[in-house]
PDB file of all heavy atoms in Angstrom:
ATOM      1  N   VAL A   1     -82.972  37.513-234.181  1.00  0.00           N
ATOM      2  CA  VAL A   1     -83.283  36.246-234.849  1.00  0.00           C
ATOM      3  C   VAL A   1     -82.450  36.117-236.122  1.00  0.00           C
ATOM      4  O   VAL A   1     -81.890  35.053-236.412  1.00  0.00           O
ATOM      5  CB  VAL A   1     -84.791  36.147-235.167  1.00  0.00           C
ATOM      6  CG1 VAL A   1     -85.093  34.940-236.036  1.00  0.00           C
ATOM      7  CG2 VAL A   1     -85.605  36.096-233.883  1.00  0.00           C
ATOM      8  N   ILE A   2     -82.328  37.190-236.869  1.00  0.00           N
ATOM      9  CA  ILE A   2     -81.538  37.180-238.103  1.00  0.00           C
ATOM     10  C   ILE A   2     -80.067  36.903-237.794  1.00  0.00           C
ATOM     11  O   ILE A   2     -79.419  36.107-238.478  1.00  0.00           O
ATOM     12  CB  ILE A   2     -81.712  38.502-238.883  1.00  0.00           C
ATOM     13  CG1 ILE A   2     -83.136  38.598-239.418  1.00  0.00           C
ATOM     14  CG2 ILE A   2     -80.703  38.609-240.013  1.00  0.00           C
ATOM     15  CD1 ILE A   2     -83.487  39.930-240.033  1.00  0.00           C
ATOM     16  N   ILE A   3     -79.550  37.517-236.751  1.00  0.00           N
ATOM     17  CA  ILE A   3     -78.156  37.297-236.366  1.00  0.00           C
ATOM     18  C   ILE A   3     -77.944  35.841-235.948  1.00  0.00           C
ATOM     19  O   ILE A   3     -76.967  35.206-236.355  1.00  0.00           O
ATOM     20  CB  ILE A   3     -77.736  38.268-235.236  1.00  0.00           C
ATOM     21  CG1 ILE A   3     -77.678  39.700-235.783  1.00  0.00           C
ATOM     22  CG2 ILE A   3     -76.404  37.859-234.631  1.00  0.00           C
ATOM     23  CD1 ILE A   3     -77.475  40.764-234.730  1.00  0.00           C
ATOM     24  N   MET A   4     -78.835  35.290-235.160  1.00  0.00           N
ATOM     25  CA  MET A   4     -78.713  33.899-234.712  1.00  0.00           C
ATOM     26  C   MET A   4     -78.767  32.934-235.895  1.00  0.00           C
ATOM     27  O   MET A   4     -77.973  31.992-235.977  1.00  0.00           O
ATOM     28  CB  MET A   4     -79.820  33.553-233.713  1.00  0.00           C
ATOM     29  CG  MET A   4     -79.647  34.200-232.357  1.00  0.00           C
ATOM     30  SD  MET A   4     -78.147  33.671-231.538  1.00  0.00           S
ATOM     31  CE  MET A   4     -78.584  32.007-231.132  1.00  0.00           C
ATOM     32  N   LEU A   5     -79.681  33.155-236.821  1.00  0.00           N
ATOM     33  CA  LEU A   5     -79.780  32.292-237.996  1.00  0.00           C
ATOM     34  C   LEU A   5     -78.519  32.390-238.857  1.00  0.00           C
ATOM     35  O   LEU A   5     -78.028  31.390-239.378  1.00  0.00           O
ATOM     36  CB  LEU A   5     -81.018  32.645-238.820  1.00  0.00           C
ATOM     37  CG  LEU A   5     -82.350  32.240-238.216  1.00  0.00           C
ATOM     38  CD1 LEU A   5     -83.501  32.760-239.059  1.00  0.00           C
ATOM     39  CD2 LEU A   5     -82.437  30.737-238.060  1.00  0.00           C
ATOM     40  N   SER A   6     -77.969  33.589-238.974  1.00  0.00           N
ATOM     41  CA  SER A   6     -76.744  33.783-239.741  1.00  0.00           C
ATOM     42  C   SER A   6     -75.579  33.033-239.107  1.00  0.00           C
ATOM     43  O   SER A   6     -74.791  32.389-239.797  1.00  0.00           O
ATOM     44  CB  SER A   6     -76.395  35.272-239.845  1.00  0.00           C
ATOM     45  OG  SER A   6     -77.398  35.970-240.529  1.00  0.00           O
ATOM     46  N   LEU A   7     -75.476  33.104-237.789  1.00  0.00           N
ATOM     47  CA  LEU A   7     -74.411  32.389-237.085  1.00  0.00           C
ATOM     48  C   LEU A   7     -74.546  30.876-237.242  1.00  0.00           C
ATOM     49  O   LEU A   7     -73.565  30.177-237.478  1.00  0.00           O
ATOM     50  CB  LEU A   7     -74.407  32.766-235.604  1.00  0.00           C
ATOM     51  CG  LEU A   7     -73.920  34.175-235.280  1.00  0.00           C
ATOM     52  CD1 LEU A   7     -74.157  34.490-233.808  1.00  0.00           C
ATOM     53  CD2 LEU A   7     -72.459  34.325-235.628  1.00  0.00           C
ATOM     54  N   LEU A   8     -75.750  30.380-237.128  1.00  0.00           N
ATOM     55  CA  LEU A   8     -75.973  28.942-237.304  1.00  0.00           C
ATOM     56  C   LEU A   8     -75.631  28.497-238.719  1.00  0.00           C
ATOM     57  O   LEU A   8     -75.049  27.427-238.916  1.00  0.00           O
ATOM     58  CB  LEU A   8     -77.425  28.586-236.975  1.00  0.00           C
ATOM     59  CG  LEU A   8     -77.800  28.620-235.504  1.00  0.00           C
ATOM     60  CD1 LEU A   8     -79.301  28.440-235.334  1.00  0.00           C
ATOM     61  CD2 LEU A   8     -77.052  27.553-234.737  1.00  0.00           C
ATOM     62  N   LEU A   9     -75.965  29.304-239.695  1.00  0.00           N
ATOM     63  CA  LEU A   9     -75.646  28.980-241.080  1.00  0.00           C
ATOM     64  C   LEU A   9     -74.140  28.944-241.291  1.00  0.00           C
ATOM     65  O   LEU A   9     -73.605  28.029-241.924  1.00  0.00           O
ATOM     66  CB  LEU A   9     -76.287  30.000-242.018  1.00  0.00           C
ATOM     67  CG  LEU A   9     -76.038  29.777-243.505  1.00  0.00           C
ATOM     68  CD1 LEU A   9     -76.639  28.448-243.954  1.00  0.00           C
ATOM     69  CD2 LEU A   9     -76.618  30.910-244.319  1.00  0.00           C
ATOM     70  N   MET A  10     -73.424  29.918-240.737  1.00  0.00           N
ATOM     71  CA  MET A  10     -71.963  29.954-240.888  1.00  0.00           C
ATOM     72  C   MET A  10     -71.310  28.739-240.233  1.00  0.00           C
ATOM     73  O   MET A  10     -70.385  28.164-240.778  1.00  0.00           O
ATOM     74  CB  MET A  10     -71.389  31.241-240.294  1.00  0.00           C
ATOM     75  CG  MET A  10     -71.639  32.451-241.157  1.00  0.00           C
ATOM     76  SD  MET A  10     -70.743  33.908-240.638  1.00  0.00           S
ATOM     77  CE  MET A  10     -71.435  34.251-239.045  1.00  0.00           C
ATOM     78  N   VAL A  11     -71.778  28.344-239.072  1.00  0.00           N
ATOM     79  CA  VAL A  11     -71.222  27.191-238.376  1.00  0.00           C
ATOM     80  C   VAL A  11     -71.494  25.925-239.189  1.00  0.00           C
ATOM     81  O   VAL A  11     -70.611  25.086-239.357  1.00  0.00           O
ATOM     82  CB  VAL A  11     -71.808  27.061-236.951  1.00  0.00           C
ATOM     83  CG1 VAL A  11     -71.455  25.722-236.335  1.00  0.00           C
ATOM     84  CG2 VAL A  11     -71.310  28.203-236.083  1.00  0.00           C
ATOM     85  N   GLY A  12     -72.676  25.784-239.717  1.00  0.00           N
ATOM     86  CA  GLY A  12     -73.032  24.613-240.519  1.00  0.00           C
ATOM     87  C   GLY A  12     -72.208  24.510-241.783  1.00  0.00           C
ATOM     88  O   GLY A  12     -71.745  23.426-242.149  1.00  0.00           O
ATOM     89  N   VAL A  13     -71.968  25.608-242.453  1.00  0.00           N
ATOM     90  CA  VAL A  13     -71.192  25.604-243.688  1.00  0.00           C
ATOM     91  C   VAL A  13     -69.723  25.353-243.396  1.00  0.00           C
ATOM     92  O   VAL A  13     -69.070  24.570-244.078  1.00  0.00           O
ATOM     93  CB  VAL A  13     -71.375  26.934-244.458  1.00  0.00           C
ATOM     94  CG1 VAL A  13     -70.409  27.041-245.611  1.00  0.00           C
ATOM     95  CG2 VAL A  13     -72.806  27.067-244.954  1.00  0.00           C
ATOM     96  N   SER A  14     -69.182  25.976-242.379  1.00  0.00           N
ATOM     97  CA  SER A  14     -67.760  25.835-242.086  1.00  0.00           C
ATOM     98  C   SER A  14     -67.415  24.447-241.567  1.00  0.00           C
ATOM     99  O   SER A  14     -66.293  23.982-241.746  1.00  0.00           O
ATOM    100  CB  SER A  14     -67.299  26.890-241.083  1.00  0.00           C
ATOM    101  OG  SER A  14     -67.921  26.684-239.836  1.00  0.00           O
ATOM    102  N   SER A  15     -68.344  23.747-240.951  1.00  0.00           N
ATOM    103  CA  SER A  15     -68.044  22.427-240.420  1.00  0.00           C
ATOM    104  C   SER A  15     -68.098  21.342-241.487  1.00  0.00           C
ATOM    105  O   SER A  15     -67.735  20.206-241.240  1.00  0.00           O
ATOM    106  CB  SER A  15     -68.998  22.084-239.278  1.00  0.00           C
ATOM    107  OG  SER A  15     -70.305  21.959-239.770  1.00  0.00           O
ATOM    108  N   SER A  16     -68.526  21.677-242.694  1.00  0.00           N
ATOM    109  CA  SER A  16     -68.623  20.671-243.744  1.00  0.00           C
ATOM    110  C   SER A  16     -67.317  20.484-244.503  1.00  0.00           C
ATOM    111  O   SER A  16     -67.202  19.590-245.322  1.00  0.00           O
ATOM    112  CB  SER A  16     -69.748  21.026-244.715  1.00  0.00           C
ATOM    113  OG  SER A  16     -69.438  22.227-245.383  1.00  0.00           O
ATOM    114  N   ALA A  17     -66.302  21.307-244.264  1.00  0.00           N
ATOM    115  CA  ALA A  17     -65.012  21.181-244.938  1.00  0.00           C
ATOM    116  C   ALA A  17     -63.929  20.907-243.908  1.00  0.00           C
ATOM    117  O   ALA A  17     -63.760  21.653-242.962  1.00  0.00           O
ATOM    118  CB  ALA A  17     -64.703  22.462-245.694  1.00  0.00           C
ATOM    119  N   TYR A  18     -63.216  19.804-244.107  1.00  0.00           N
ATOM    120  CA  TYR A  18     -62.153  19.432-243.187  1.00  0.00           C
ATOM    121  C   TYR A  18     -60.833  19.327-243.941  1.00  0.00           C
ATOM    122  O   TYR A  18     -60.779  18.757-245.026  1.00  0.00           O
ATOM    123  CB  TYR A  18     -62.444  18.082-242.529  1.00  0.00           C
ATOM    124  CG  TYR A  18     -63.674  18.106-241.680  1.00  0.00           C
ATOM    125  CD1 TYR A  18     -64.869  17.585-242.146  1.00  0.00           C
ATOM    126  CD2 TYR A  18     -63.635  18.641-240.403  1.00  0.00           C
ATOM    127  CE1 TYR A  18     -66.007  17.603-241.356  1.00  0.00           C
ATOM    128  CE2 TYR A  18     -64.770  18.670-239.614  1.00  0.00           C
ATOM    129  CZ  TYR A  18     -65.949  18.140-240.094  1.00  0.00           C
ATOM    130  OH  TYR A  18     -67.066  18.160-239.329  1.00  0.00           O
ATOM    131  N   ALA A  19     -59.792  19.833-243.364  1.00  0.00           N
ATOM    132  CA  ALA A  19     -58.463  19.725-243.961  1.00  0.00           C
ATOM    133  C   ALA A  19     -57.844  18.393-243.559  1.00  0.00           C
ATOM    134  O   ALA A  19     -58.139  17.855-242.502  1.00  0.00           O
ATOM    135  CB  ALA A  19     -57.588  20.873-243.479  1.00  0.00           C
ATOM    136  N   HIS A  20     -56.984  17.878-244.417  1.00  0.00           N
ATOM    137  CA  HIS A  20     -56.245  16.682-244.087  1.00  0.00           C
ATOM    138  C   HIS A  20     -54.858  16.771-244.704  1.00  0.00           C
ATOM    139  O   HIS A  20     -54.676  17.432-245.713  1.00  0.00           O
ATOM    140  CB  HIS A  20     -56.990  15.427-244.560  1.00  0.00           C
ATOM    141  CG  HIS A  20     -57.267  15.411-246.019  1.00  0.00           C
ATOM    142  ND1 HIS A  20     -58.347  16.029-246.564  1.00  0.00           N
ATOM    143  CD2 HIS A  20     -56.572  14.889-247.047  1.00  0.00           C
ATOM    144  CE1 HIS A  20     -58.319  15.857-247.869  1.00  0.00           C
ATOM    145  NE2 HIS A  20     -57.252  15.189-248.197  1.00  0.00           N
ATOM    146  N   PRO A  21     -53.881  16.128-244.084  1.00  0.00           N
ATOM    147  CA  PRO A  21     -52.507  16.222-244.570  1.00  0.00           C
ATOM    148  C   PRO A  21     -52.299  15.409-245.833  1.00  0.00           C
ATOM    149  O   PRO A  21     -53.053  14.501-246.129  1.00  0.00           O
ATOM    150  CB  PRO A  21     -51.699  15.633-243.416  1.00  0.00           C
ATOM    151  CG  PRO A  21     -52.631  14.696-242.759  1.00  0.00           C
ATOM    152  CD  PRO A  21     -53.997  15.320-242.887  1.00  0.00           C
ATOM    153  N   GLY A  22     -51.255  15.738-246.558  1.00  0.00           N
ATOM    154  CA  GLY A  22     -50.887  14.966-247.737  1.00  0.00           C
ATOM    155  C   GLY A  22     -50.436  15.863-248.869  1.00  0.00           C
ATOM    156  O   GLY A  22     -51.079  16.858-249.173  1.00  0.00           O
ATOM    157  N   ARG A  23     -49.316  15.495-249.478  1.00  0.00           N
ATOM    158  CA  ARG A  23     -48.817  16.254-250.624  1.00  0.00           C
ATOM    159  C   ARG A  23     -49.563  15.837-251.886  1.00  0.00           C
ATOM    160  O   ARG A  23     -50.153  14.782-251.944  1.00  0.00           O
ATOM    161  CB  ARG A  23     -47.330  16.003-250.791  1.00  0.00           C
ATOM    162  CG  ARG A  23     -46.542  16.548-249.626  1.00  0.00           C
ATOM    163  CD  ARG A  23     -45.072  16.336-249.860  1.00  0.00           C
ATOM    164  NE  ARG A  23     -44.333  16.830-248.719  1.00  0.00           N
ATOM    165  CZ  ARG A  23     -43.458  17.808-248.798  1.00  0.00           C
ATOM    166  NH1 ARG A  23     -43.200  18.390-249.934  1.00  0.00           N
ATOM    167  NH2 ARG A  23     -42.833  18.201-247.724  1.00  0.00           N
ATOM    168  N   LEU A  24     -49.488  16.691-252.897  1.00  0.00           N
ATOM    169  CA  LEU A  24     -50.172  16.423-254.158  1.00  0.00           C
ATOM    170  C   LEU A  24     -49.192  15.903-255.196  1.00  0.00           C
ATOM    171  O   LEU A  24     -48.036  16.314-255.233  1.00  0.00           O
ATOM    172  CB  LEU A  24     -50.826  17.703-254.675  1.00  0.00           C
ATOM    173  CG  LEU A  24     -51.807  18.385-253.721  1.00  0.00           C
ATOM    174  CD1 LEU A  24     -52.341  19.650-254.344  1.00  0.00           C
ATOM    175  CD2 LEU A  24     -52.922  17.461-253.337  1.00  0.00           C
TER     176      LEU A  24
END
C-alpha cells in the first residue's frame, strides 16, 4: 500500500510540470 501510494504521488507531482519551447 505504501509503495502504491508513493507511485501515485510521484505520478501526480511529475505531471504538473510541462516543458515548452522558447528562448529566454
